[in-house]
Amino acid sequence: MSLTSPSTAETLLIFVDAARNALDGLLQLLLQEQELLTHNKIDFLAELSSRKQLAAVAAEQAGAQLRQQFNQAGMPEDADVAQWLTDQAPAALEAWQDLREIARKAELYNRNNGLLIDTRRQLLDQFISQLASSRGDALSYSPRGQLNSGSGGRLSRDKV
């Protein structure tokens, strides 16, 4: 049995589409981030990070609005959403499946980008340690987080 009000099913489709579009915007930024990381274009990461944060907030808000619409439409908290949509609002099922696939991809790219960043940081730390040990310097961090050599000089991690 479908929802009695066609407008309720249409409203669900609108909110599923909005969540899908918001999450796809975040996914596109994650793809750009991976491109920058893999091609060593780190100068552009700060600006992209700001845009990514805004996109993440927008996706979260769209998801919260969608959950609210599901609640208003009477979907039980523990329902299988795909099955519930099949029964109640089949017009929204394809958009829901797209949303789930985009969410899966976004999670994968976000995790991989984090690994790329962590690997890059580890390699950079190793390089700086090797450089300092070849000079006979001990490395430490200043109270402001700056990397210092034992001879009083500062080493920069920028653009390495």
N, C-alpha and C. Protein backbone atom coordinates (compact mmCIF):
# COMPACT_ATOMS: atom_id res chain seq x y z
N MET A 1 0.84 -1.18 0.00
CA MET A 1 0.00 0.00 0.00
C MET A 1 0.88 1.24 0.00
N SER A 2 0.62 2.17 -0.90
CA SER A 2 1.39 3.39 -0.99
C SER A 2 0.81 4.46 -0.09
N LEU A 3 1.61 5.49 0.13
CA LEU A 3 1.12 6.62 0.91
C LEU A 3 -0.12 7.18 0.23
N THR A 4 -1.11 7.54 1.02
CA THR A 4 -2.37 8.01 0.46
C THR A 4 -2.24 9.35 -0.24
N SER A 5 -1.35 10.18 0.21
CA SER A 5 -1.21 11.51 -0.38
C SER A 5 -0.07 11.51 -1.39
N PRO A 6 -0.38 11.76 -2.67
CA PRO A 6 0.69 11.84 -3.65
C PRO A 6 1.70 12.92 -3.30
N SER A 7 1.23 13.98 -2.64
CA SER A 7 2.16 15.06 -2.29
C SER A 7 3.20 14.60 -1.27
N THR A 8 2.84 13.65 -0.40
CA THR A 8 3.80 13.12 0.57
C THR A 8 4.90 12.35 -0.15
N ALA A 9 4.53 11.52 -1.12
CA ALA A 9 5.51 10.78 -1.90
C ALA A 9 6.38 11.75 -2.71
N GLU A 10 5.78 12.77 -3.28
CA GLU A 10 6.53 13.77 -4.03
C GLU A 10 7.47 14.54 -3.12
N THR A 11 7.02 14.86 -1.92
CA THR A 11 7.85 15.57 -0.95
C THR A 11 9.06 14.72 -0.57
N LEU A 12 8.83 13.42 -0.35
CA LEU A 12 9.95 12.53 -0.04
C LEU A 12 10.96 12.52 -1.18
N LEU A 13 10.49 12.46 -2.40
CA LEU A 13 11.39 12.47 -3.55
C LEU A 13 12.20 13.76 -3.59
N ILE A 14 11.57 14.88 -3.30
CA ILE A 14 12.27 16.16 -3.28
C ILE A 14 13.39 16.14 -2.24
N PHE A 15 13.10 15.62 -1.05
CA PHE A 15 14.10 15.61 0.02
C PHE A 15 15.19 14.56 -0.22
N VAL A 16 14.85 13.43 -0.82
CA VAL A 16 15.87 12.44 -1.19
C VAL A 16 16.78 13.04 -2.25
N ASP A 17 16.20 13.71 -3.25
CA ASP A 17 17.00 14.37 -4.28
C ASP A 17 17.91 15.44 -3.68
N ALA A 18 17.40 16.21 -2.75
CA ALA A 18 18.20 17.27 -2.13
C ALA A 18 19.38 16.67 -1.37
N ALA A 19 19.13 15.59 -0.63
CA ALA A 19 20.22 14.93 0.10
C ALA A 19 21.22 14.32 -0.87
N ARG A 20 20.72 13.73 -1.93
CA ARG A 20 21.61 13.13 -2.94
C ARG A 20 22.48 14.21 -3.58
N ASN A 21 21.89 15.33 -3.94
CA ASN A 21 22.65 16.41 -4.57
C ASN A 21 23.68 17.01 -3.62
N ALA A 22 23.31 17.18 -2.37
CA ALA A 22 24.25 17.73 -1.38
C ALA A 22 25.42 16.77 -1.18
N LEU A 23 25.14 15.50 -1.06
CA LEU A 23 26.20 14.52 -0.86
C LEU A 23 27.05 14.38 -2.11
N ASP A 24 26.45 14.50 -3.28
CA ASP A 24 27.23 14.45 -4.51
C ASP A 24 28.17 15.65 -4.61
N GLY A 25 27.74 16.80 -4.13
CA GLY A 25 28.63 17.96 -4.10
C GLY A 25 29.85 17.70 -3.22
N LEU A 26 29.64 17.05 -2.09
CA LEU A 26 30.75 16.68 -1.21
C LEU A 26 31.65 15.66 -1.89
N LEU A 27 31.05 14.68 -2.55
CA LEU A 27 31.84 13.67 -3.27
C LEU A 27 32.72 14.31 -4.33
N GLN A 28 32.20 15.27 -5.06
CA GLN A 28 33.00 15.93 -6.10
C GLN A 28 34.21 16.65 -5.49
N LEU A 29 34.02 17.24 -4.32
CA LEU A 29 35.14 17.89 -3.64
C LEU A 29 36.16 16.87 -3.13
N LEU A 30 35.68 15.72 -2.68
CA LEU A 30 36.59 14.67 -2.25
C LEU A 30 37.41 14.14 -3.43
N LEU A 31 36.79 14.06 -4.59
CA LEU A 31 37.52 13.65 -5.79
C LEU A 31 38.58 14.69 -6.15
N GLN A 32 38.23 15.96 -6.04
CA GLN A 32 39.21 17.03 -6.30
C GLN A 32 40.35 16.97 -5.29
N GLU A 33 40.01 16.70 -4.04
CA GLU A 33 41.03 16.60 -3.01
C GLU A 33 42.01 15.47 -3.33
N GLN A 34 41.49 14.34 -3.75
CA GLN A 34 42.36 13.22 -4.10
C GLN A 34 43.26 13.58 -5.28
N GLU A 35 42.72 14.28 -6.23
CA GLU A 35 43.50 14.73 -7.39
C GLU A 35 44.65 15.65 -6.93
N LEU A 36 44.34 16.58 -6.05
CA LEU A 36 45.38 17.48 -5.54
C LEU A 36 46.44 16.72 -4.75
N LEU A 37 46.01 15.78 -3.94
CA LEU A 37 46.96 15.01 -3.13
C LEU A 37 47.85 14.13 -3.99
N THR A 38 47.29 13.48 -4.97
CA THR A 38 48.08 12.56 -5.78
C THR A 38 48.97 13.28 -6.79
N HIS A 39 48.65 14.52 -7.09
CA HIS A 39 49.48 15.29 -8.03
C HIS A 39 50.30 16.36 -7.32
N ASN A 40 50.43 16.23 -5.99
CA ASN A 40 51.27 17.10 -5.19
C ASN A 40 50.95 18.59 -5.37
N LYS A 41 49.68 18.91 -5.43
CA LYS A 41 49.24 20.30 -5.55
C LYS A 41 48.68 20.78 -4.21
N ILE A 42 49.52 20.70 -3.20
CA ILE A 42 49.06 20.95 -1.84
C ILE A 42 48.72 22.41 -1.56
N ASP A 43 49.20 23.31 -2.40
CA ASP A 43 48.89 24.73 -2.20
C ASP A 43 47.39 25.00 -2.31
N PHE A 44 46.67 24.14 -2.98
CA PHE A 44 45.24 24.36 -3.21
C PHE A 44 44.36 23.66 -2.16
N LEU A 45 44.98 22.90 -1.27
CA LEU A 45 44.21 22.11 -0.30
C LEU A 45 43.49 22.96 0.74
N ALA A 46 44.08 24.06 1.16
CA ALA A 46 43.45 24.88 2.20
C ALA A 46 42.11 25.44 1.72
N GLU A 47 42.10 25.97 0.51
CA GLU A 47 40.85 26.52 -0.03
C GLU A 47 39.83 25.41 -0.24
N LEU A 48 40.28 24.28 -0.74
CA LEU A 48 39.38 23.15 -0.95
C LEU A 48 38.83 22.63 0.38
N SER A 49 39.66 22.65 1.39
CA SER A 49 39.23 22.18 2.71
C SER A 49 38.07 23.01 3.24
N SER A 50 38.12 24.31 3.03
CA SER A 50 37.02 25.19 3.46
C SER A 50 35.73 24.84 2.71
N ARG A 51 35.86 24.65 1.41
CA ARG A 51 34.68 24.29 0.60
C ARG A 51 34.15 22.92 1.01
N LYS A 52 35.06 22.00 1.31
CA LYS A 52 34.66 20.64 1.72
C LYS A 52 33.90 20.69 3.04
N GLN A 53 34.37 21.53 3.97
CA GLN A 53 33.69 21.66 5.26
C GLN A 53 32.26 22.19 5.06
N LEU A 54 32.11 23.20 4.23
CA LEU A 54 30.77 23.73 3.95
C LEU A 54 29.88 22.67 3.29
N ALA A 55 30.44 21.91 2.37
CA ALA A 55 29.67 20.86 1.70
C ALA A 55 29.27 19.76 2.67
N ALA A 56 30.15 19.44 3.60
CA ALA A 56 29.83 18.42 4.61
C ALA A 56 28.68 18.88 5.50
N VAL A 57 28.71 20.15 5.88
CA VAL A 57 27.62 20.70 6.70
C VAL A 57 26.31 20.67 5.91
N ALA A 58 26.36 21.06 4.64
CA ALA A 58 25.16 21.05 3.80
C ALA A 58 24.62 19.63 3.64
N ALA A 59 25.49 18.66 3.46
CA ALA A 59 25.06 17.27 3.32
C ALA A 59 24.43 16.77 4.62
N GLU A 60 25.02 17.13 5.74
CA GLU A 60 24.48 16.73 7.04
C GLU A 60 23.09 17.34 7.26
N GLN A 61 22.95 18.61 6.92
CA GLN A 61 21.65 19.27 7.07
C GLN A 61 20.60 18.64 6.16
N ALA A 62 20.98 18.34 4.92
CA ALA A 62 20.04 17.70 3.99
C ALA A 62 19.65 16.32 4.50
N GLY A 63 20.60 15.60 5.08
CA GLY A 63 20.29 14.29 5.66
C GLY A 63 19.34 14.40 6.85
N ALA A 64 19.55 15.40 7.68
CA ALA A 64 18.66 15.61 8.83
C ALA A 64 17.24 15.96 8.37
N GLN A 65 17.15 16.79 7.34
CA GLN A 65 15.83 17.14 6.80
C GLN A 65 15.14 15.92 6.19
N LEU A 66 15.92 15.07 5.54
CA LEU A 66 15.35 13.85 4.97
C LEU A 66 14.84 12.92 6.07
N ARG A 67 15.64 12.75 7.13
CA ARG A 67 15.18 11.92 8.26
C ARG A 67 13.89 12.47 8.85
N GLN A 68 13.81 13.79 8.94
CA GLN A 68 12.59 14.42 9.46
C GLN A 68 11.40 14.11 8.55
N GLN A 69 11.60 14.16 7.26
CA GLN A 69 10.51 13.86 6.32
C GLN A 69 10.10 12.39 6.41
N PHE A 70 11.07 11.50 6.56
CA PHE A 70 10.74 10.08 6.75
C PHE A 70 9.90 9.90 8.00
N ASN A 71 10.28 10.58 9.09
CA ASN A 71 9.51 10.49 10.33
C ASN A 71 8.09 11.01 10.14
N GLN A 72 7.97 12.15 9.45
CA GLN A 72 6.64 12.73 9.22
C GLN A 72 5.78 11.84 8.33
N ALA A 73 6.43 11.09 7.44
CA ALA A 73 5.68 10.19 6.56
C ALA A 73 5.31 8.89 7.25
N GLY A 74 5.79 8.70 8.48
CA GLY A 74 5.41 7.51 9.25
C GLY A 74 6.36 6.33 9.11
N MET A 75 7.55 6.54 8.60
CA MET A 75 8.49 5.44 8.48
C MET A 75 9.00 5.07 9.87
N PRO A 76 8.91 3.80 10.25
CA PRO A 76 9.44 3.38 11.55
C PRO A 76 10.96 3.57 11.61
N GLU A 77 11.48 3.84 12.81
CA GLU A 77 12.91 4.09 13.01
C GLU A 77 13.77 2.92 12.53
N ASP A 78 13.29 1.70 12.72
CA ASP A 78 14.09 0.52 12.39
C ASP A 78 13.76 -0.06 11.01
N ALA A 79 13.07 0.70 10.19
CA ALA A 79 12.63 0.20 8.87
C ALA A 79 13.80 0.06 7.91
N ASP A 80 13.70 -0.90 7.02
CA ASP A 80 14.59 -1.00 5.86
C ASP A 80 14.08 0.08 4.90
N VAL A 81 14.85 1.14 4.71
CA VAL A 81 14.39 2.29 3.95
C VAL A 81 14.02 1.91 2.52
N ALA A 82 14.86 1.10 1.87
CA ALA A 82 14.57 0.71 0.49
C ALA A 82 13.25 -0.06 0.40
N GLN A 83 13.03 -0.96 1.32
CA GLN A 83 11.77 -1.72 1.31
C GLN A 83 10.59 -0.80 1.62
N TRP A 84 10.77 0.09 2.58
CA TRP A 84 9.69 1.00 2.93
C TRP A 84 9.35 1.89 1.75
N LEU A 85 10.37 2.40 1.05
CA LEU A 85 10.09 3.23 -0.13
C LEU A 85 9.43 2.42 -1.23
N THR A 86 9.84 1.18 -1.41
CA THR A 86 9.22 0.31 -2.41
C THR A 86 7.72 0.20 -2.14
N ASP A 87 7.38 0.05 -0.88
CA ASP A 87 5.98 -0.10 -0.49
C ASP A 87 5.21 1.22 -0.45
N GLN A 88 5.88 2.29 -0.01
CA GLN A 88 5.18 3.53 0.29
C GLN A 88 5.36 4.65 -0.73
N ALA A 89 6.54 4.77 -1.31
CA ALA A 89 6.83 5.88 -2.22
C ALA A 89 7.82 5.40 -3.28
N PRO A 90 7.37 4.50 -4.16
CA PRO A 90 8.30 3.89 -5.12
C PRO A 90 9.00 4.89 -6.05
N ALA A 91 8.41 6.04 -6.25
CA ALA A 91 9.05 7.04 -7.12
C ALA A 91 10.37 7.54 -6.54
N ALA A 92 10.54 7.42 -5.23
CA ALA A 92 11.76 7.90 -4.58
C ALA A 92 12.83 6.81 -4.43
N LEU A 93 12.50 5.57 -4.79
CA LEU A 93 13.42 4.46 -4.57
C LEU A 93 14.72 4.61 -5.36
N GLU A 94 14.65 4.95 -6.63
CA GLU A 94 15.87 5.07 -7.44
C GLU A 94 16.78 6.17 -6.90
N ALA A 95 16.19 7.30 -6.52
CA ALA A 95 16.98 8.40 -5.96
C ALA A 95 17.61 7.96 -4.64
N TRP A 96 16.89 7.18 -3.84
CA TRP A 96 17.44 6.67 -2.58
C TRP A 96 18.63 5.74 -2.85
N GLN A 97 18.49 4.87 -3.82
CA GLN A 97 19.59 3.96 -4.16
C GLN A 97 20.81 4.75 -4.65
N ASP A 98 20.57 5.79 -5.45
CA ASP A 98 21.67 6.67 -5.88
C ASP A 98 22.33 7.35 -4.68
N LEU A 99 21.51 7.82 -3.76
CA LEU A 99 22.02 8.47 -2.55
C LEU A 99 22.91 7.51 -1.77
N ARG A 100 22.48 6.28 -1.59
CA ARG A 100 23.28 5.29 -0.86
C ARG A 100 24.60 5.01 -1.57
N GLU A 101 24.60 4.94 -2.89
CA GLU A 101 25.83 4.69 -3.64
C GLU A 101 26.78 5.87 -3.53
N ILE A 102 26.25 7.07 -3.61
CA ILE A 102 27.09 8.27 -3.46
C ILE A 102 27.67 8.31 -2.05
N ALA A 103 26.88 7.95 -1.05
CA ALA A 103 27.37 7.93 0.33
C ALA A 103 28.50 6.91 0.48
N ARG A 104 28.36 5.76 -0.15
CA ARG A 104 29.39 4.74 -0.10
C ARG A 104 30.69 5.25 -0.73
N LYS A 105 30.56 5.88 -1.88
CA LYS A 105 31.75 6.43 -2.57
C LYS A 105 32.39 7.55 -1.75
N ALA A 106 31.58 8.44 -1.20
CA ALA A 106 32.11 9.54 -0.41
C ALA A 106 32.88 9.02 0.80
N GLU A 107 32.33 8.01 1.45
CA GLU A 107 33.02 7.43 2.60
C GLU A 107 34.36 6.81 2.18
N LEU A 108 34.37 6.12 1.06
CA LEU A 108 35.59 5.50 0.54
C LEU A 108 36.64 6.54 0.19
N TYR A 109 36.26 7.58 -0.54
CA TYR A 109 37.21 8.62 -0.92
C TYR A 109 37.70 9.39 0.30
N ASN A 110 36.84 9.66 1.24
CA ASN A 110 37.24 10.37 2.45
C ASN A 110 38.27 9.55 3.23
N ARG A 111 38.02 8.26 3.36
CA ARG A 111 38.96 7.38 4.06
C ARG A 111 40.30 7.32 3.30
N ASN A 112 40.24 7.14 1.98
CA ASN A 112 41.47 7.06 1.19
C ASN A 112 42.25 8.37 1.23
N ASN A 113 41.55 9.50 1.17
CA ASN A 113 42.23 10.79 1.24
C ASN A 113 42.92 10.95 2.60
N GLY A 114 42.26 10.51 3.65
CA GLY A 114 42.87 10.55 4.98
C GLY A 114 44.14 9.71 5.03
N LEU A 115 44.10 8.54 4.41
CA LEU A 115 45.28 7.69 4.36
C LEU A 115 46.41 8.34 3.56
N LEU A 116 46.05 8.98 2.44
CA LEU A 116 47.05 9.70 1.65
C LEU A 116 47.71 10.81 2.45
N ILE A 117 46.91 11.56 3.17
CA ILE A 117 47.43 12.66 3.99
C ILE A 117 48.34 12.10 5.08
N ASP A 118 47.90 11.05 5.75
CA ASP A 118 48.68 10.46 6.82
C ASP A 118 50.00 9.89 6.29
N THR A 119 49.96 9.21 5.16
CA THR A 119 51.17 8.66 4.55
C THR A 119 52.13 9.78 4.18
N ARG A 120 51.60 10.82 3.59
CA ARG A 120 52.42 11.97 3.20
C ARG A 120 53.08 12.60 4.43
N ARG A 121 52.34 12.75 5.51
CA ARG A 121 52.87 13.31 6.75
C ARG A 121 53.98 12.42 7.31
N GLN A 122 53.75 11.11 7.32
CA GLN A 122 54.77 10.19 7.83
C GLN A 122 56.05 10.26 7.00
N LEU A 123 55.90 10.28 5.69
CA LEU A 123 57.08 10.36 4.83
C LEU A 123 57.83 11.67 5.03
N LEU A 124 57.09 12.73 5.19
CA LEU A 124 57.69 14.04 5.43
C LEU A 124 58.42 14.07 6.77
N ASP A 125 57.80 13.51 7.80
CA ASP A 125 58.46 13.44 9.11
C ASP A 125 59.73 12.61 9.04
N GLN A 126 59.69 11.50 8.32
CA GLN A 126 60.88 10.66 8.17
C GLN A 126 61.98 11.43 7.44
N PHE A 127 61.61 12.13 6.39
CA PHE A 127 62.58 12.90 5.62
C PHE A 127 63.25 13.96 6.50
N ILE A 128 62.45 14.68 7.26
CA ILE A 128 62.99 15.74 8.12
C ILE A 128 63.87 15.13 9.20
N SER A 129 63.48 14.00 9.76
CA SER A 129 64.31 13.34 10.77
C SER A 129 65.64 12.90 10.17
N GLN A 130 65.59 12.33 8.98
CA GLN A 130 66.83 11.90 8.32
C GLN A 130 67.71 13.11 8.00
N LEU A 131 67.11 14.16 7.55
CA LEU A 131 67.87 15.38 7.25
C LEU A 131 68.54 15.91 8.51
N ALA A 132 67.79 15.97 9.59
CA ALA A 132 68.32 16.48 10.85
C ALA A 132 69.42 15.57 11.38
N SER A 133 69.24 14.26 11.30
CA SER A 133 70.26 13.34 11.83
C SER A 133 71.52 13.40 10.99
N SER A 134 71.38 13.64 9.69
CA SER A 134 72.57 13.77 8.85
C SER A 134 73.35 15.04 9.19
N ARG A 135 72.67 16.01 9.74
CA ARG A 135 73.31 17.27 10.17
C ARG A 135 73.75 17.18 11.62
N GLY A 136 73.37 16.11 12.30
CA GLY A 136 73.70 15.97 13.71
C GLY A 136 72.80 16.77 14.62
N ASP A 137 71.65 17.17 14.14
CA ASP A 137 70.71 17.96 14.94
C ASP A 137 69.66 17.06 15.57
N ALA A 138 69.20 17.47 16.71
CA ALA A 138 68.05 16.83 17.33
C ALA A 138 66.84 17.70 17.00
N LEU A 139 65.74 17.06 16.70
CA LEU A 139 64.53 17.81 16.35
C LEU A 139 63.61 17.92 17.55
N SER A 140 62.93 19.04 17.62
CA SER A 140 61.89 19.23 18.63
C SER A 140 60.86 20.20 18.08
N TYR A 141 59.73 20.27 18.76
CA TYR A 141 58.69 21.20 18.38
C TYR A 141 58.65 22.33 19.39
N SER A 142 58.50 23.54 18.89
CA SER A 142 58.38 24.71 19.77
C SER A 142 56.98 24.74 20.37
N PRO A 143 56.76 25.59 21.37
CA PRO A 143 55.41 25.72 21.95
C PRO A 143 54.36 26.12 20.91
N ARG A 144 54.79 26.77 19.82
CA ARG A 144 53.86 27.18 18.77
C ARG A 144 53.69 26.12 17.69
N GLY A 145 54.32 24.94 17.89
CA GLY A 145 54.16 23.85 16.93
C GLY A 145 55.14 23.90 15.78
N GLN A 146 56.13 24.77 15.84
CA GLN A 146 57.13 24.86 14.79
C GLN A 146 58.20 23.79 15.04
N LEU A 147 58.69 23.20 13.97
CA LEU A 147 59.72 22.18 14.08
C LEU A 147 61.08 22.88 14.18
N ASN A 148 61.82 22.58 15.25
CA ASN A 148 63.13 23.21 15.49
C ASN A 148 64.23 22.16 15.44
N SER A 149 65.37 22.56 14.92
CA SER A 149 66.55 21.70 15.00
C SER A 149 67.29 22.02 16.27
N GLY A 150 68.14 21.12 16.71
CA GLY A 150 68.88 21.33 17.95
C GLY A 150 69.83 22.50 17.88
N SER A 151 70.24 22.91 16.69
CA SER A 151 71.18 24.02 16.56
C SER A 151 70.47 25.37 16.61
N GLY A 152 69.19 25.37 16.90
CA GLY A 152 68.45 26.62 17.02
C GLY A 152 67.76 27.04 15.75
N GLY A 153 68.03 26.37 14.66
CA GLY A 153 67.36 26.72 13.40
C GLY A 153 65.98 26.10 13.31
N ARG A 154 65.20 26.63 12.41
CA ARG A 154 63.85 26.10 12.22
C ARG A 154 63.79 25.39 10.89
N LEU A 155 63.13 24.24 10.87
CA LEU A 155 62.93 23.50 9.62
C LEU A 155 61.49 23.70 9.20
N SER A 156 61.29 23.89 7.94
CA SER A 156 59.93 24.11 7.42
C SER A 156 59.41 22.86 6.76
N ARG A 157 58.16 22.54 7.01
CA ARG A 157 57.52 21.40 6.37
C ARG A 157 56.67 21.85 5.19
N ASP A 158 56.69 23.11 4.86
CA ASP A 158 55.87 23.62 3.77
C ASP A 158 56.40 23.14 2.42
N LYS A 159 55.50 22.75 1.56
CA LYS A 159 55.75 22.44 0.15
C LYS A 159 56.84 21.40 -0.07
N VAL A 160 56.97 20.47 0.86
CA VAL A 160 57.94 19.39 0.66
C VAL A 160 57.25 18.28 -0.07
